[in-house]
């Protein structure tokens, strides 16, 4: 499990996957989101520009990211 400390109001899902090193590029992040491989608060979400906020949980490739 990873914890990501949010410094602002939100972070876009694509940026979160990149900054946590779960993908190597923005293009890869967009592909895994489009392919339905990312879960947001327990639901598959296809929005690349989704605003992830404190208290949210993102899951991808066996990794869980808690936003704090």
PDB file of N, CA and C in Angstrom:
ATOM      1  N   UNK A   1       0.848  -1.179   0.000  1.00  0.00           N
ATOM      2  CA  UNK A   1       0.000   0.000   0.000  1.00  0.00           C
ATOM      3  C   UNK A   1       0.891   1.238   0.000  1.00  0.00           C
ATOM      4  N   UNK A   2       0.520   2.183  -0.835  1.00  0.00           N
ATOM      5  CA  UNK A   2       1.219   3.452  -0.920  1.00  0.00           C
ATOM      6  C   UNK A   2       0.359   4.551  -0.310  1.00  0.00           C
ATOM      7  N   UNK A   3       1.005   5.537   0.273  1.00  0.00           N
ATOM      8  CA  UNK A   3       0.297   6.726   0.725  1.00  0.00           C
ATOM      9  C   UNK A   3       0.847   7.906  -0.045  1.00  0.00           C
ATOM     10  N   UNK A   4      -0.070   8.698  -0.596  1.00  0.00           N
ATOM     11  CA  UNK A   4       0.334   9.890  -1.341  1.00  0.00           C
ATOM     12  C   UNK A   4      -0.214  11.101  -0.609  1.00  0.00           C
ATOM     13  N   UNK A   5       0.680  11.990  -0.204  1.00  0.00           N
ATOM     14  CA  UNK A   5       0.276  13.206   0.499  1.00  0.00           C
ATOM     15  C   UNK A   5      -0.026  14.284  -0.530  1.00  0.00           C
ATOM     16  N   UNK A   6      -1.271  14.678  -0.571  1.00  0.00           N
ATOM     17  CA  UNK A   6      -1.735  15.679  -1.521  1.00  0.00           C
ATOM     18  C   UNK A   6      -1.359  17.061  -1.011  1.00  0.00           C
ATOM     19  N   UNK A   7      -0.707  17.847  -1.869  1.00  0.00           N
ATOM     20  CA  UNK A   7      -0.270  19.182  -1.462  1.00  0.00           C
ATOM     21  C   UNK A   7      -1.284  20.262  -1.820  1.00  0.00           C
ATOM     22  N   UNK A   8      -2.098  20.022  -2.831  1.00  0.00           N
ATOM     23  CA  UNK A   8      -3.115  20.989  -3.232  1.00  0.00           C
ATOM     24  C   UNK A   8      -4.503  20.424  -2.991  1.00  0.00           C
ATOM     25  N   UNK A   9      -5.464  20.942  -3.742  1.00  0.00           N
ATOM     26  CA  UNK A   9      -6.853  20.503  -3.601  1.00  0.00           C
ATOM     27  C   UNK A   9      -7.081  19.136  -4.233  1.00  0.00           C
ATOM     28  N   UNK A  10      -6.371  18.869  -5.360  1.00  0.00           N
ATOM     29  CA  UNK A  10      -6.533  17.589  -6.061  1.00  0.00           C
ATOM     30  C   UNK A  10      -5.327  17.337  -6.955  1.00  0.00           C
ATOM     31  N   UNK A  11      -5.251  16.108  -7.492  1.00  0.00           N
ATOM     32  CA  UNK A  11      -4.276  15.749  -8.508  1.00  0.00           C
ATOM     33  C   UNK A  11      -5.018  14.948  -9.569  1.00  0.00           C
ATOM     34  N   UNK A  12      -4.690  15.133 -10.823  1.00  0.00           N
ATOM     35  CA  UNK A  12      -5.344  14.371 -11.881  1.00  0.00           C
ATOM     36  C   UNK A  12      -4.850  12.926 -11.829  1.00  0.00           C
ATOM     37  N   UNK A  13      -5.737  12.002 -12.156  1.00  0.00           N
ATOM     38  CA  UNK A  13      -5.424  10.574 -12.077  1.00  0.00           C
ATOM     39  C   UNK A  13      -4.181  10.225 -12.891  1.00  0.00           C
ATOM     40  N   UNK A  14      -4.059  10.762 -14.099  1.00  0.00           N
ATOM     41  CA  UNK A  14      -2.891  10.495 -14.943  1.00  0.00           C
ATOM     42  C   UNK A  14      -1.610  10.915 -14.221  1.00  0.00           C
ATOM     43  N   UNK A  15      -1.626  12.086 -13.617  1.00  0.00           N
ATOM     44  CA  UNK A  15      -0.450  12.593 -12.905  1.00  0.00           C
ATOM     45  C   UNK A  15      -0.122  11.726 -11.683  1.00  0.00           C
ATOM     46  N   UNK A  16      -1.145  11.265 -10.984  1.00  0.00           N
ATOM     47  CA  UNK A  16      -0.940  10.425  -9.807  1.00  0.00           C
ATOM     48  C   UNK A  16      -0.223   9.132 -10.181  1.00  0.00           C
ATOM     49  N   UNK A  17      -0.651   8.488 -11.256  1.00  0.00           N
ATOM     50  CA  UNK A  17      -0.011   7.243 -11.675  1.00  0.00           C
ATOM     51  C   UNK A  17       1.449   7.474 -12.056  1.00  0.00           C
ATOM     52  N   UNK A  18       1.736   8.613 -12.655  1.00  0.00           N
ATOM     53  CA  UNK A  18       3.120   8.925 -13.039  1.00  0.00           C
ATOM     54  C   UNK A  18       3.972   9.244 -11.816  1.00  0.00           C
ATOM     55  N   UNK A  19       3.468  10.083 -10.935  1.00  0.00           N
ATOM     56  CA  UNK A  19       4.259  10.558  -9.798  1.00  0.00           C
ATOM     57  C   UNK A  19       4.550   9.434  -8.784  1.00  0.00           C
ATOM     58  N   UNK A  20       3.697   8.424  -8.755  1.00  0.00           N
ATOM     59  CA  UNK A  20       3.924   7.289  -7.853  1.00  0.00           C
ATOM     60  C   UNK A  20       4.732   6.185  -8.530  1.00  0.00           C
ATOM     61  N   UNK A  21       5.197   6.435  -9.756  1.00  0.00           N
ATOM     62  CA  UNK A  21       6.031   5.508 -10.524  1.00  0.00           C
ATOM     63  C   UNK A  21       5.346   4.176 -10.840  1.00  0.00           C
ATOM     64  N   UNK A  22       4.022   4.199 -10.933  1.00  0.00           N
ATOM     65  CA  UNK A  22       3.303   2.985 -11.310  1.00  0.00           C
ATOM     66  C   UNK A  22       3.252   2.817 -12.824  1.00  0.00           C
ATOM     67  N   UNK A  23       3.508   3.905 -13.547  1.00  0.00           N
ATOM     68  CA  UNK A  23       3.645   3.883 -15.004  1.00  0.00           C
ATOM     69  C   UNK A  23       4.870   4.721 -15.355  1.00  0.00           C
ATOM     70  N   UNK A  24       5.385   4.517 -16.555  1.00  0.00           N
ATOM     71  CA  UNK A  24       6.609   5.229 -16.928  1.00  0.00           C
ATOM     72  C   UNK A  24       6.362   6.525 -17.690  1.00  0.00           C
ATOM     73  N   UNK A  25       5.133   6.710 -18.188  1.00  0.00           N
ATOM     74  CA  UNK A  25       4.851   7.924 -18.959  1.00  0.00           C
ATOM     75  C   UNK A  25       3.375   8.284 -18.879  1.00  0.00           C
ATOM     76  N   UNK A  26       3.074   9.496 -19.304  1.00  0.00           N
ATOM     77  CA  UNK A  26       1.679   9.926 -19.351  1.00  0.00           C
ATOM     78  C   UNK A  26       0.874   9.122 -20.357  1.00  0.00           C
ATOM     79  N   UNK A  27       1.511   8.759 -21.459  1.00  0.00           N
ATOM     80  CA  UNK A  27       0.836   7.945 -22.468  1.00  0.00           C
ATOM     81  C   UNK A  27       0.457   6.578 -21.933  1.00  0.00           C
ATOM     82  N   UNK A  28       1.368   5.981 -21.163  1.00  0.00           N
ATOM     83  CA  UNK A  28       1.066   4.683 -20.552  1.00  0.00           C
ATOM     84  C   UNK A  28      -0.064   4.824 -19.541  1.00  0.00           C
ATOM     85  N   UNK A  29      -0.051   5.909 -18.770  1.00  0.00           N
ATOM     86  CA  UNK A  29      -1.114   6.148 -17.791  1.00  0.00           C
ATOM     87  C   UNK A  29      -2.466   6.258 -18.493  1.00  0.00           C
ATOM     88  N   UNK A  30      -2.507   6.997 -19.594  1.00  0.00           N
ATOM     89  CA  UNK A  30      -3.761   7.135 -20.338  1.00  0.00           C
ATOM     90  C   UNK A  30      -4.252   5.782 -20.861  1.00  0.00           C
ATOM     91  N   UNK A  31      -3.311   4.948 -21.332  1.00  0.00           N
ATOM     92  CA  UNK A  31      -3.694   3.638 -21.865  1.00  0.00           C
ATOM     93  C   UNK A  31      -4.292   2.727 -20.785  1.00  0.00           C
ATOM     94  N   UNK A  32      -3.655   2.671 -19.603  1.00  0.00           N
ATOM     95  CA  UNK A  32      -4.168   1.768 -18.568  1.00  0.00           C
ATOM     96  C   UNK A  32      -5.516   2.246 -18.042  1.00  0.00           C
ATOM     97  N   UNK A  33      -5.737   3.569 -18.026  1.00  0.00           N
ATOM     98  CA  UNK A  33      -7.038   4.100 -17.604  1.00  0.00           C
ATOM     99  C   UNK A  33      -8.095   3.762 -18.654  1.00  0.00           C
ATOM    100  N   UNK A  34      -7.772   3.992 -19.923  1.00  0.00           N
ATOM    101  CA  UNK A  34      -8.697   3.701 -21.020  1.00  0.00           C
ATOM    102  C   UNK A  34      -9.044   2.216 -21.084  1.00  0.00           C
ATOM    103  N   UNK A  35      -8.072   1.361 -20.741  1.00  0.00           N
ATOM    104  CA  UNK A  35      -8.286  -0.090 -20.768  1.00  0.00           C
ATOM    105  C   UNK A  35      -9.066  -0.600 -19.557  1.00  0.00           C
ATOM    106  N   UNK A  36      -9.425   0.300 -18.628  1.00  0.00           N
ATOM    107  CA  UNK A  36     -10.219  -0.095 -17.464  1.00  0.00           C
ATOM    108  C   UNK A  36      -9.427  -0.837 -16.407  1.00  0.00           C
ATOM    109  N   UNK A  37      -8.143  -0.533 -16.292  1.00  0.00           N
ATOM    110  CA  UNK A  37      -7.280  -1.231 -15.337  1.00  0.00           C
ATOM    111  C   UNK A  37      -7.109  -0.482 -14.021  1.00  0.00           C
ATOM    112  N   UNK A  38      -7.743   0.691 -13.909  1.00  0.00           N
ATOM    113  CA  UNK A  38      -7.591   1.518 -12.712  1.00  0.00           C
ATOM    114  C   UNK A  38      -8.924   1.620 -11.981  1.00  0.00           C
ATOM    115  N   UNK A  39      -8.875   1.395 -10.684  1.00  0.00           N
ATOM    116  CA  UNK A  39     -10.061   1.492  -9.842  1.00  0.00           C
ATOM    117  C   UNK A  39      -9.961   2.757  -8.986  1.00  0.00           C
ATOM    118  N   UNK A  40     -11.067   3.494  -8.917  1.00  0.00           N
ATOM    119  CA  UNK A  40     -11.142   4.723  -8.125  1.00  0.00           C
ATOM    120  C   UNK A  40     -12.274   4.568  -7.118  1.00  0.00           C
ATOM    121  N   UNK A  41     -11.930   4.541  -5.839  1.00  0.00           N
ATOM    122  CA  UNK A  41     -12.914   4.350  -4.769  1.00  0.00           C
ATOM    123  C   UNK A  41     -13.798   3.126  -5.022  1.00  0.00           C
ATOM    124  N   UNK A  42     -13.160   2.038  -5.466  1.00  0.00           N
ATOM    125  CA  UNK A  42     -13.862   0.767  -5.627  1.00  0.00           C
ATOM    126  C   UNK A  42     -14.551   0.567  -6.965  1.00  0.00           C
ATOM    127  N   UNK A  43     -14.495   1.540  -7.855  1.00  0.00           N
ATOM    128  CA  UNK A  43     -15.157   1.448  -9.162  1.00  0.00           C
ATOM    129  C   UNK A  43     -14.137   1.685 -10.275  1.00  0.00           C
ATOM    130  N   UNK A  44     -14.262   0.936 -11.367  1.00  0.00           N
ATOM    131  CA  UNK A  44     -13.427   1.196 -12.534  1.00  0.00           C
ATOM    132  C   UNK A  44     -13.815   2.567 -13.083  1.00  0.00           C
ATOM    133  N   UNK A  45     -12.808   3.388 -13.377  1.00  0.00           N
ATOM    134  CA  UNK A  45     -13.079   4.729 -13.872  1.00  0.00           C
ATOM    135  C   UNK A  45     -12.220   4.990 -15.098  1.00  0.00           C
ATOM    136  N   UNK A  46     -12.819   5.528 -16.141  1.00  0.00           N
ATOM    137  CA  UNK A  46     -12.139   5.738 -17.416  1.00  0.00           C
ATOM    138  C   UNK A  46     -11.747   7.196 -17.659  1.00  0.00           C
ATOM    139  N   UNK A  47     -11.949   8.053 -16.662  1.00  0.00           N
ATOM    140  CA  UNK A  47     -11.649   9.485 -16.832  1.00  0.00           C
ATOM    141  C   UNK A  47     -10.178   9.769 -16.539  1.00  0.00           C
ATOM    142  N   UNK A  48      -9.454  10.183 -17.548  1.00  0.00           N
ATOM    143  CA  UNK A  48      -8.019  10.450 -17.406  1.00  0.00           C
ATOM    144  C   UNK A  48      -7.765  11.696 -16.555  1.00  0.00           C
ATOM    145  N   UNK A  49      -8.626  12.660 -16.682  1.00  0.00           N
ATOM    146  CA  UNK A  49      -8.448  13.930 -15.963  1.00  0.00           C
ATOM    147  C   UNK A  49      -9.221  13.965 -14.646  1.00  0.00           C
ATOM    148  N   UNK A  50      -9.620  12.809 -14.167  1.00  0.00           N
ATOM    149  CA  UNK A  50     -10.335  12.687 -12.901  1.00  0.00           C
ATOM    150  C   UNK A  50      -9.564  13.403 -11.797  1.00  0.00           C
ATOM    151  N   UNK A  51     -10.252  14.191 -10.997  1.00  0.00           N
ATOM    152  CA  UNK A  51      -9.632  14.915  -9.897  1.00  0.00           C
ATOM    153  C   UNK A  51      -9.649  14.034  -8.649  1.00  0.00           C
ATOM    154  N   UNK A  52      -8.486  13.538  -8.271  1.00  0.00           N
ATOM    155  CA  UNK A  52      -8.338  12.693  -7.095  1.00  0.00           C
ATOM    156  C   UNK A  52      -8.076  13.604  -5.896  1.00  0.00           C
ATOM    157  N   UNK A  53      -8.830  13.377  -4.807  1.00  0.00           N
ATOM    158  CA  UNK A  53      -8.755  14.254  -3.637  1.00  0.00           C
ATOM    159  C   UNK A  53      -8.437  13.451  -2.378  1.00  0.00           C
ATOM    160  N   UNK A  54      -8.191  14.159  -1.293  1.00  0.00           N
ATOM    161  CA  UNK A  54      -7.891  13.517  -0.005  1.00  0.00           C
ATOM    162  C   UNK A  54      -9.008  12.551   0.375  1.00  0.00           C
ATOM    163  N   UNK A  55      -8.615  11.382   0.873  1.00  0.00           N
ATOM    164  CA  UNK A  55      -9.570  10.374   1.294  1.00  0.00           C
ATOM    165  C   UNK A  55      -9.903   9.375   0.199  1.00  0.00           C
ATOM    166  N   UNK A  56      -9.509   9.657  -1.042  1.00  0.00           N
ATOM    167  CA  UNK A  56      -9.775   8.741  -2.153  1.00  0.00           C
ATOM    168  C   UNK A  56      -8.785   7.578  -2.137  1.00  0.00           C
ATOM    169  N   UNK A  57      -9.191   6.478  -2.782  1.00  0.00           N
ATOM    170  CA  UNK A  57      -8.344   5.291  -2.897  1.00  0.00           C
ATOM    171  C   UNK A  57      -8.294   4.891  -4.368  1.00  0.00           C
ATOM    172  N   UNK A  58      -7.080   4.760  -4.886  1.00  0.00           N
ATOM    173  CA  UNK A  58      -6.866   4.354  -6.273  1.00  0.00           C
ATOM    174  C   UNK A  58      -6.134   3.018  -6.260  1.00  0.00           C
ATOM    175  N   UNK A  59      -6.595   2.083  -7.099  1.00  0.00           N
ATOM    176  CA  UNK A  59      -5.938   0.778  -7.201  1.00  0.00           C
ATOM    177  C   UNK A  59      -5.541   0.532  -8.653  1.00  0.00           C
ATOM    178  N   UNK A  60      -4.311   0.023  -8.814  1.00  0.00           N
ATOM    179  CA  UNK A  60      -3.806  -0.314 -10.136  1.00  0.00           C
ATOM    180  C   UNK A  60      -2.711  -1.363 -10.021  1.00  0.00           C
ATOM    181  N   UNK A  61      -2.841  -2.413 -10.794  1.00  0.00           N
ATOM    182  CA  UNK A  61      -1.794  -3.433 -10.925  1.00  0.00           C
ATOM    183  C   UNK A  61      -1.349  -3.999  -9.572  1.00  0.00           C
ATOM    184  N   UNK A  62      -2.303  -4.267  -8.696  1.00  0.00           N
ATOM    185  CA  UNK A  62      -1.995  -4.833  -7.392  1.00  0.00           C
ATOM    186  C   UNK A  62      -1.539  -3.819  -6.361  1.00  0.00           C
ATOM    187  N   UNK A  63      -1.486  -2.561  -6.717  1.00  0.00           N
ATOM    188  CA  UNK A  63      -1.079  -1.495  -5.802  1.00  0.00           C
ATOM    189  C   UNK A  63      -2.277  -0.674  -5.363  1.00  0.00           C
ATOM    190  N   UNK A  64      -2.289  -0.304  -4.103  1.00  0.00           N
ATOM    191  CA  UNK A  64      -3.339   0.568  -3.573  1.00  0.00           C
ATOM    192  C   UNK A  64      -2.686   1.875  -3.147  1.00  0.00           C
ATOM    193  N   UNK A  65      -3.259   2.986  -3.605  1.00  0.00           N
ATOM    194  CA  UNK A  65      -2.751   4.309  -3.241  1.00  0.00           C
ATOM    195  C   UNK A  65      -3.813   5.003  -2.399  1.00  0.00           C
ATOM    196  N   UNK A  66      -3.484   5.299  -1.163  1.00  0.00           N
ATOM    197  CA  UNK A  66      -4.374   6.076  -0.290  1.00  0.00           C
ATOM    198  C   UNK A  66      -3.938   7.529  -0.377  1.00  0.00           C
ATOM    199  N   UNK A  67      -4.893   8.404  -0.646  1.00  0.00           N
ATOM    200  CA  UNK A  67      -4.600   9.829  -0.753  1.00  0.00           C
ATOM    201  C   UNK A  67      -4.842  10.477   0.599  1.00  0.00           C
ATOM    202  N   UNK A  68      -3.782  11.085   1.136  1.00  0.00           N
ATOM    203  CA  UNK A  68      -3.892  11.707   2.459  1.00  0.00           C
ATOM    204  C   UNK A  68      -3.539  13.184   2.379  1.00  0.00           C
TER     205      UNK A  68
END
